[in-house]
Amino acid sequence: MGLELYLDLLSQPCRAVYVFAKKNGISFQLNTVDLLKGQHVSEQFLQLNCQRKVPVLKDGNFVLTESSAILMYLSSKYQVADHWYPADLQARARVHEYLGWHTDNVRGIFGVPLWTKVLGPLIGTQIPEEKVERNRKNMFESLQRLEEKFFGNGTFLTGHQPVALGCNLFEGRPQLTAWRVRVEEFLGADLCQQALGRILSIREQAAKNALPVPYPEVQSRMMLRIARIP
């Protein structure tokens, strides 16, 4: 059996894996795991990933979780262009350095607007305004560190998710604006739409009450995630 990817493109790590595979011409079977419908907490998915999270890669009998590990695996197996995952030890260490920083300073912060603007209200929970404001400040502090530390080499970093939720991260930030243009030109309009279509339309769907109400088990997991917002 060929390569399989279990993804929900609502998830930023899933989008990263999807875009990487598509851009590098890696053939895979896409198995959509709808998070809002609770497909990640099903018994069937539990057999694949006991942590009940996406993305998941399945390559024959080999199963791998965590987006960073999946991206490294794909880079090595399919021998993609060196700029994705450099062979040079120090250049590769810079990739690992950013990925380590990304977890706490991007993933943990920039995903919060989705919870405050869409997912919390979907299950009848409002995030306290002081948390929303604190997260907004944390985002802009992280953007400052991102530009100072990691943009010197012109690499492709961060994501569009907060923009889709009404947070203008690009205003007054020419480096970040130039990064966005580079990424969109590099990926092309079709792939951008494939990867970003779901997240870019989620506010509109929420406004129209078109999103499914999560199952009770999913709601309890969502409440735990909301409680962890600092």
C-alpha atoms as a PDB file:
ATOM      1  CA  MET A   1       0.000   0.000   0.000  1.00  0.00           C
ATOM      2  CA  GLY A   2       1.251   3.488  -0.813  1.00  0.00           C
ATOM      3  CA  LEU A   3       1.690   6.528   1.361  1.00  0.00           C
ATOM      4  CA  GLU A   4      -1.376   7.696   3.284  1.00  0.00           C
ATOM      5  CA  LEU A   5      -1.853  11.020   5.066  1.00  0.00           C
ATOM      6  CA  TYR A   6      -4.579  11.550   7.636  1.00  0.00           C
ATOM      7  CA  LEU A   7      -5.336  15.266   7.691  1.00  0.00           C
ATOM      8  CA  ASP A   8      -7.865  17.975   8.413  1.00  0.00           C
ATOM      9  CA  LEU A   9      -6.904  21.168   6.588  1.00  0.00           C
ATOM     10  CA  LEU A  10      -8.507  23.183   9.371  1.00  0.00           C
ATOM     11  CA  SER A  11      -5.313  22.316  11.278  1.00  0.00           C
ATOM     12  CA  GLN A  12      -2.146  24.319  10.597  1.00  0.00           C
ATOM     13  CA  PRO A  13       0.230  21.333  11.036  1.00  0.00           C
ATOM     14  CA  CYS A  14      -1.907  19.356   8.598  1.00  0.00           C
ATOM     15  CA  ARG A  15      -1.744  22.171   6.070  1.00  0.00           C
ATOM     16  CA  ALA A  16       2.044  22.231   6.365  1.00  0.00           C
ATOM     17  CA  VAL A  17       2.276  18.503   5.587  1.00  0.00           C
ATOM     18  CA  TYR A  18      -0.251  18.753   2.753  1.00  0.00           C
ATOM     19  CA  VAL A  19       1.476  21.713   1.089  1.00  0.00           C
ATOM     20  CA  PHE A  20       4.905  20.092   1.409  1.00  0.00           C
ATOM     21  CA  ALA A  21       3.769  16.824  -0.166  1.00  0.00           C
ATOM     22  CA  LYS A  22       1.877  18.533  -2.967  1.00  0.00           C
ATOM     23  CA  LYS A  23       4.621  21.015  -3.787  1.00  0.00           C
ATOM     24  CA  ASN A  24       7.192  18.231  -4.014  1.00  0.00           C
ATOM     25  CA  GLY A  25       5.050  15.976  -6.163  1.00  0.00           C
ATOM     26  CA  ILE A  26       4.814  13.271  -3.494  1.00  0.00           C
ATOM     27  CA  SER A  27       1.959  10.906  -4.296  1.00  0.00           C
ATOM     28  CA  PHE A  28      -0.309  10.098  -1.343  1.00  0.00           C
ATOM     29  CA  GLN A  29      -3.796   8.991  -0.474  1.00  0.00           C
ATOM     30  CA  LEU A  30      -5.592  11.714   1.466  1.00  0.00           C
ATOM     31  CA  ASN A  31      -7.735  10.446   4.333  1.00  0.00           C
ATOM     32  CA  THR A  32      -9.697  13.371   5.709  1.00  0.00           C
ATOM     33  CA  VAL A  33     -10.242  13.306   9.476  1.00  0.00           C
ATOM     34  CA  ASP A  34     -12.931  15.881  10.264  1.00  0.00           C
ATOM     35  CA  LEU A  35     -12.045  17.292  13.679  1.00  0.00           C
ATOM     36  CA  LEU A  36     -15.349  19.098  14.203  1.00  0.00           C
ATOM     37  CA  LYS A  37     -17.227  15.859  13.534  1.00  0.00           C
ATOM     38  CA  GLY A  38     -15.095  14.047  16.092  1.00  0.00           C
ATOM     39  CA  GLN A  39     -13.542  11.595  13.677  1.00  0.00           C
ATOM     40  CA  HIS A  40     -10.220  11.905  15.527  1.00  0.00           C
ATOM     41  CA  VAL A  41     -11.753  10.485  18.727  1.00  0.00           C
ATOM     42  CA  SER A  42     -13.310   7.454  17.057  1.00  0.00           C
ATOM     43  CA  GLU A  43     -12.181   3.969  18.016  1.00  0.00           C
ATOM     44  CA  GLN A  44     -10.993   3.412  14.459  1.00  0.00           C
ATOM     45  CA  PHE A  45      -8.682   6.426  14.577  1.00  0.00           C
ATOM     46  CA  LEU A  46      -7.525   5.509  18.083  1.00  0.00           C
ATOM     47  CA  GLN A  47      -5.960   2.370  16.628  1.00  0.00           C
ATOM     48  CA  LEU A  48      -3.911   4.591  14.332  1.00  0.00           C
ATOM     49  CA  ASN A  49      -2.916   7.287  16.833  1.00  0.00           C
ATOM     50  CA  CYS A  50      -3.634   6.820  20.518  1.00  0.00           C
ATOM     51  CA  GLN A  51      -3.161  10.573  21.042  1.00  0.00           C
ATOM     52  CA  ARG A  52      -6.158  11.217  18.763  1.00  0.00           C
ATOM     53  CA  LYS A  53      -4.443  14.014  16.869  1.00  0.00           C
ATOM     54  CA  VAL A  54      -3.660  14.798  13.242  1.00  0.00           C
ATOM     55  CA  PRO A  55      -1.596  14.761  11.105  1.00  0.00           C
ATOM     56  CA  VAL A  56      -0.709  11.095  10.820  1.00  0.00           C
ATOM     57  CA  LEU A  57       1.423   9.437   8.143  1.00  0.00           C
ATOM     58  CA  LYS A  58       1.014   5.771   7.264  1.00  0.00           C
ATOM     59  CA  ASP A  59       3.611   4.244   4.960  1.00  0.00           C
ATOM     60  CA  GLY A  60       2.829   0.547   4.683  1.00  0.00           C
ATOM     61  CA  ASN A  61       2.999  -0.740   8.264  1.00  0.00           C
ATOM     62  CA  PHE A  62       4.929   2.327   9.453  1.00  0.00           C
ATOM     63  CA  VAL A  63       2.868   4.963  11.277  1.00  0.00           C
ATOM     64  CA  LEU A  64       4.274   8.372  12.210  1.00  0.00           C
ATOM     65  CA  THR A  65       2.735  11.287  14.077  1.00  0.00           C
ATOM     66  CA  GLU A  66       3.768  14.918  14.723  1.00  0.00           C
ATOM     67  CA  SER A  67       4.045  17.261  11.759  1.00  0.00           C
ATOM     68  CA  SER A  68       7.754  18.058  12.189  1.00  0.00           C
ATOM     69  CA  ALA A  69       8.673  14.365  12.242  1.00  0.00           C
ATOM     70  CA  ILE A  70       6.474  13.725   9.207  1.00  0.00           C
ATOM     71  CA  LEU A  71       8.078  16.565   7.248  1.00  0.00           C
ATOM     72  CA  MET A  72      11.572  15.314   8.065  1.00  0.00           C
ATOM     73  CA  TYR A  73      10.613  11.772   7.068  1.00  0.00           C
ATOM     74  CA  LEU A  74       9.179  12.898   3.739  1.00  0.00           C
ATOM     75  CA  SER A  75      12.212  15.098   3.071  1.00  0.00           C
ATOM     76  CA  SER A  76      14.564  12.196   3.609  1.00  0.00           C
ATOM     77  CA  LYS A  77      12.583   9.447   1.894  1.00  0.00           C
ATOM     78  CA  TYR A  78      11.806  11.401  -1.254  1.00  0.00           C
ATOM     79  CA  GLN A  79      15.132  13.259  -1.405  1.00  0.00           C
ATOM     80  CA  VAL A  80      13.542  16.645  -1.971  1.00  0.00           C
ATOM     81  CA  ALA A  81      15.539  19.748  -2.917  1.00  0.00           C
ATOM     82  CA  ASP A  82      18.166  20.606  -0.334  1.00  0.00           C
ATOM     83  CA  HIS A  83      16.609  23.939   0.609  1.00  0.00           C
ATOM     84  CA  TRP A  84      13.724  22.115   2.316  1.00  0.00           C
ATOM     85  CA  TYR A  85      15.882  20.166   4.764  1.00  0.00           C
ATOM     86  CA  PRO A  86      19.576  20.935   4.170  1.00  0.00           C
ATOM     87  CA  ALA A  87      22.236  18.244   4.292  1.00  0.00           C
ATOM     88  CA  ASP A  88      24.702  20.709   5.806  1.00  0.00           C
ATOM     89  CA  LEU A  89      24.800  20.076   9.563  1.00  0.00           C
ATOM     90  CA  GLN A  90      24.640  23.707  10.660  1.00  0.00           C
ATOM     91  CA  ALA A  91      21.960  24.655   8.135  1.00  0.00           C
ATOM     92  CA  ARG A  92      19.875  21.693   9.288  1.00  0.00           C
ATOM     93  CA  ALA A  93      20.411  22.740  12.898  1.00  0.00           C
ATOM     94  CA  ARG A  94      18.843  26.104  12.003  1.00  0.00           C
ATOM     95  CA  VAL A  95      15.755  24.253  10.791  1.00  0.00           C
ATOM     96  CA  HIS A  96      15.568  22.388  14.091  1.00  0.00           C
ATOM     97  CA  GLU A  97      16.145  25.639  15.984  1.00  0.00           C
ATOM     98  CA  TYR A  98      13.166  27.263  14.298  1.00  0.00           C
ATOM     99  CA  LEU A  99      10.932  24.219  14.771  1.00  0.00           C
ATOM    100  CA  GLY A 100      11.732  24.215  18.481  1.00  0.00           C
ATOM    101  CA  TRP A 101      10.915  27.922  18.736  1.00  0.00           C
ATOM    102  CA  HIS A 102       7.802  27.536  16.615  1.00  0.00           C
ATOM    103  CA  THR A 103       6.037  25.197  19.027  1.00  0.00           C
ATOM    104  CA  ASP A 104       5.768  27.685  21.892  1.00  0.00           C
ATOM    105  CA  ASN A 105       5.953  30.977  20.039  1.00  0.00           C
ATOM    106  CA  VAL A 106       3.800  30.348  16.974  1.00  0.00           C
ATOM    107  CA  ARG A 107       1.642  27.231  17.363  1.00  0.00           C
ATOM    108  CA  GLY A 108       0.785  27.948  20.984  1.00  0.00           C
ATOM    109  CA  ILE A 109      -0.116  31.580  20.314  1.00  0.00           C
ATOM    110  CA  PHE A 110      -1.317  32.055  16.744  1.00  0.00           C
ATOM    111  CA  GLY A 111      -3.881  29.266  16.937  1.00  0.00           C
ATOM    112  CA  VAL A 112      -5.775  31.023  19.737  1.00  0.00           C
ATOM    113  CA  PRO A 113      -7.858  33.361  17.493  1.00  0.00           C
ATOM    114  CA  LEU A 114      -9.541  30.292  15.994  1.00  0.00           C
ATOM    115  CA  TRP A 115     -10.642  29.329  19.492  1.00  0.00           C
ATOM    116  CA  THR A 116     -11.709  32.815  20.537  1.00  0.00           C
ATOM    117  CA  LYS A 117     -13.601  33.723  17.352  1.00  0.00           C
ATOM    118  CA  VAL A 118     -15.011  30.401  16.133  1.00  0.00           C
ATOM    119  CA  LEU A 119     -14.530  27.251  18.198  1.00  0.00           C
ATOM    120  CA  GLY A 120     -15.340  28.684  21.622  1.00  0.00           C
ATOM    121  CA  PRO A 121     -18.602  30.320  20.470  1.00  0.00           C
ATOM    122  CA  LEU A 122     -19.455  27.131  18.559  1.00  0.00           C
ATOM    123  CA  ILE A 123     -19.786  25.289  21.875  1.00  0.00           C
ATOM    124  CA  GLY A 124     -21.254  28.270  23.750  1.00  0.00           C
ATOM    125  CA  THR A 125     -18.052  29.440  25.451  1.00  0.00           C
ATOM    126  CA  GLN A 126     -16.678  32.956  25.377  1.00  0.00           C
ATOM    127  CA  ILE A 127     -12.978  33.504  26.008  1.00  0.00           C
ATOM    128  CA  PRO A 128     -12.410  36.239  28.636  1.00  0.00           C
ATOM    129  CA  GLU A 129     -11.420  39.506  26.975  1.00  0.00           C
ATOM    130  CA  GLU A 130      -8.276  39.795  29.086  1.00  0.00           C
ATOM    131  CA  LYS A 131      -7.057  36.489  27.600  1.00  0.00           C
ATOM    132  CA  VAL A 132      -7.893  37.677  24.081  1.00  0.00           C
ATOM    133  CA  GLU A 133      -5.949  40.898  24.614  1.00  0.00           C
ATOM    134  CA  ARG A 134      -3.017  39.112  26.225  1.00  0.00           C
ATOM    135  CA  ASN A 135      -2.823  36.721  23.288  1.00  0.00           C
ATOM    136  CA  ARG A 136      -2.979  39.623  20.835  1.00  0.00           C
ATOM    137  CA  LYS A 137       0.030  41.209  22.526  1.00  0.00           C
ATOM    138  CA  ASN A 138       1.852  37.869  22.559  1.00  0.00           C
ATOM    139  CA  MET A 139       1.279  37.488  18.821  1.00  0.00           C
ATOM    140  CA  PHE A 140       2.829  40.836  18.000  1.00  0.00           C
ATOM    141  CA  GLU A 141       5.758  40.238  20.349  1.00  0.00           C
ATOM    142  CA  SER A 142       6.375  36.907  18.628  1.00  0.00           C
ATOM    143  CA  LEU A 143       6.198  38.572  15.222  1.00  0.00           C
ATOM    144  CA  GLN A 144       8.867  41.021  16.338  1.00  0.00           C
ATOM    145  CA  ARG A 145      11.150  38.190  17.470  1.00  0.00           C
ATOM    146  CA  LEU A 146      10.356  36.268  14.283  1.00  0.00           C
ATOM    147  CA  GLU A 147      11.532  39.134  12.099  1.00  0.00           C
ATOM    148  CA  GLU A 148      14.614  39.815  14.203  1.00  0.00           C
ATOM    149  CA  LYS A 149      15.761  36.224  14.611  1.00  0.00           C
ATOM    150  CA  PHE A 150      14.569  34.150  11.677  1.00  0.00           C
ATOM    151  CA  PHE A 151      13.852  36.388   8.690  1.00  0.00           C
ATOM    152  CA  GLY A 152      17.461  37.215   7.968  1.00  0.00           C
ATOM    153  CA  ASN A 153      17.844  34.343   5.529  1.00  0.00           C
ATOM    154  CA  GLY A 154      14.565  34.917   3.685  1.00  0.00           C
ATOM    155  CA  THR A 155      13.055  31.534   4.493  1.00  0.00           C
ATOM    156  CA  PHE A 156       9.370  30.656   4.444  1.00  0.00           C
ATOM    157  CA  LEU A 157       7.895  30.775   7.921  1.00  0.00           C
ATOM    158  CA  THR A 158       4.650  31.116   9.990  1.00  0.00           C
ATOM    159  CA  GLY A 159       1.111  30.948   8.519  1.00  0.00           C
ATOM    160  CA  HIS A 160      -2.087  32.636   7.318  1.00  0.00           C
ATOM    161  CA  GLN A 161      -4.474  31.366  10.001  1.00  0.00           C
ATOM    162  CA  PRO A 162      -4.744  34.531  12.170  1.00  0.00           C
ATOM    163  CA  VAL A 163      -5.314  36.606   9.010  1.00  0.00           C
ATOM    164  CA  ALA A 164      -8.253  34.405   8.101  1.00  0.00           C
ATOM    165  CA  LEU A 165      -9.738  35.208  11.496  1.00  0.00           C
ATOM    166  CA  GLY A 166      -9.457  38.970  11.168  1.00  0.00           C
ATOM    167  CA  CYS A 167      -6.039  39.640  12.724  1.00  0.00           C
ATOM    168  CA  ASN A 168      -4.033  41.924  10.435  1.00  0.00           C
ATOM    169  CA  LEU A 169      -0.518  40.678  11.093  1.00  0.00           C
ATOM    170  CA  PHE A 170       1.002  42.278   8.018  1.00  0.00           C
ATOM    171  CA  GLU A 171       0.193  45.941   8.598  1.00  0.00           C
ATOM    172  CA  GLY A 172       3.379  47.929   9.151  1.00  0.00           C
ATOM    173  CA  ARG A 173       5.571  44.840   8.700  1.00  0.00           C
ATOM    174  CA  PRO A 174       7.261  44.964   5.276  1.00  0.00           C
ATOM    175  CA  GLN A 175       9.367  41.856   5.928  1.00  0.00           C
ATOM    176  CA  LEU A 176       6.286  39.834   6.798  1.00  0.00           C
ATOM    177  CA  THR A 177       4.374  41.230   3.827  1.00  0.00           C
ATOM    178  CA  ALA A 178       7.251  40.319   1.500  1.00  0.00           C
ATOM    179  CA  TRP A 179       7.298  36.828   3.041  1.00  0.00           C
ATOM    180  CA  ARG A 180       3.595  36.371   2.297  1.00  0.00           C
ATOM    181  CA  VAL A 181       4.078  37.400  -1.334  1.00  0.00           C
ATOM    182  CA  ARG A 182       7.034  34.999  -1.697  1.00  0.00           C
ATOM    183  CA  VAL A 183       5.084  32.081  -0.266  1.00  0.00           C
ATOM    184  CA  GLU A 184       1.994  32.669  -2.378  1.00  0.00           C
ATOM    185  CA  GLU A 185       4.052  33.059  -5.552  1.00  0.00           C
ATOM    186  CA  PHE A 186       6.136  29.978  -4.737  1.00  0.00           C
ATOM    187  CA  LEU A 187       3.137  27.765  -4.010  1.00  0.00           C
ATOM    188  CA  GLY A 188       0.845  29.089  -6.719  1.00  0.00           C
ATOM    189  CA  ALA A 189      -2.802  30.092  -6.494  1.00  0.00           C
ATOM    190  CA  ASP A 190      -4.228  26.574  -6.883  1.00  0.00           C
ATOM    191  CA  LEU A 191      -2.248  25.019  -4.046  1.00  0.00           C
ATOM    192  CA  CYS A 192      -2.880  28.027  -1.790  1.00  0.00           C
ATOM    193  CA  GLN A 193      -6.611  27.637  -2.350  1.00  0.00           C
ATOM    194  CA  GLN A 194      -6.505  23.876  -1.748  1.00  0.00           C
ATOM    195  CA  ALA A 195      -4.597  24.258   1.510  1.00  0.00           C
ATOM    196  CA  LEU A 196      -6.182  27.448   2.851  1.00  0.00           C
ATOM    197  CA  GLY A 197      -9.724  27.244   1.530  1.00  0.00           C
ATOM    198  CA  ARG A 198     -11.209  25.713   4.658  1.00  0.00           C
ATOM    199  CA  ILE A 199      -9.569  28.037   7.168  1.00  0.00           C
ATOM    200  CA  LEU A 200     -10.211  31.125   5.020  1.00  0.00           C
ATOM    201  CA  SER A 201     -13.943  30.376   4.915  1.00  0.00           C
ATOM    202  CA  ILE A 202     -14.452  29.328   8.521  1.00  0.00           C
ATOM    203  CA  ARG A 203     -15.612  32.708   9.866  1.00  0.00           C
ATOM    204  CA  GLU A 204     -18.225  32.921   7.125  1.00  0.00           C
ATOM    205  CA  GLN A 205     -19.401  29.391   7.891  1.00  0.00           C
ATOM    206  CA  ALA A 206     -19.615  30.213  11.580  1.00  0.00           C
ATOM    207  CA  ALA A 207     -21.628  33.361  10.860  1.00  0.00           C
ATOM    208  CA  LYS A 208     -24.087  31.283   8.824  1.00  0.00           C
ATOM    209  CA  ASN A 209     -24.266  28.590  11.542  1.00  0.00           C
ATOM    210  CA  ALA A 210     -22.996  26.158   8.926  1.00  0.00           C
ATOM    211  CA  LEU A 211     -20.440  24.429  11.154  1.00  0.00           C
ATOM    212  CA  PRO A 212     -21.417  21.132  12.805  1.00  0.00           C
ATOM    213  CA  VAL A 213     -21.881  21.227  16.550  1.00  0.00           C
ATOM    214  CA  PRO A 214     -19.111  18.984  17.936  1.00  0.00           C
ATOM    215  CA  TYR A 215     -20.037  15.749  19.655  1.00  0.00           C
ATOM    216  CA  PRO A 216     -20.050  15.818  23.498  1.00  0.00           C
ATOM    217  CA  GLU A 217     -16.721  13.976  23.736  1.00  0.00           C
ATOM    218  CA  VAL A 218     -15.154  16.466  21.353  1.00  0.00           C
ATOM    219  CA  GLN A 219     -16.655  19.382  23.281  1.00  0.00           C
ATOM    220  CA  SER A 220     -15.055  18.175  26.512  1.00  0.00           C
ATOM    221  CA  ARG A 221     -11.657  18.036  24.815  1.00  0.00           C
ATOM    222  CA  MET A 222     -12.250  21.492  23.366  1.00  0.00           C
ATOM    223  CA  MET A 223     -13.074  22.861  26.819  1.00  0.00           C
ATOM    224  CA  LEU A 224      -9.763  21.522  28.127  1.00  0.00           C
ATOM    225  CA  ARG A 225      -7.922  23.264  25.301  1.00  0.00           C
ATOM    226  CA  ILE A 226      -9.744  26.530  25.980  1.00  0.00           C
ATOM    227  CA  ALA A 227      -8.893  26.282  29.680  1.00  0.00           C
ATOM    228  CA  ARG A 228      -5.192  26.145  28.758  1.00  0.00           C
ATOM    229  CA  ILE A 229      -5.278  29.531  27.012  1.00  0.00           C
ATOM    230  CA  PRO A 230      -3.146  31.749  29.280  1.00  0.00           C
END
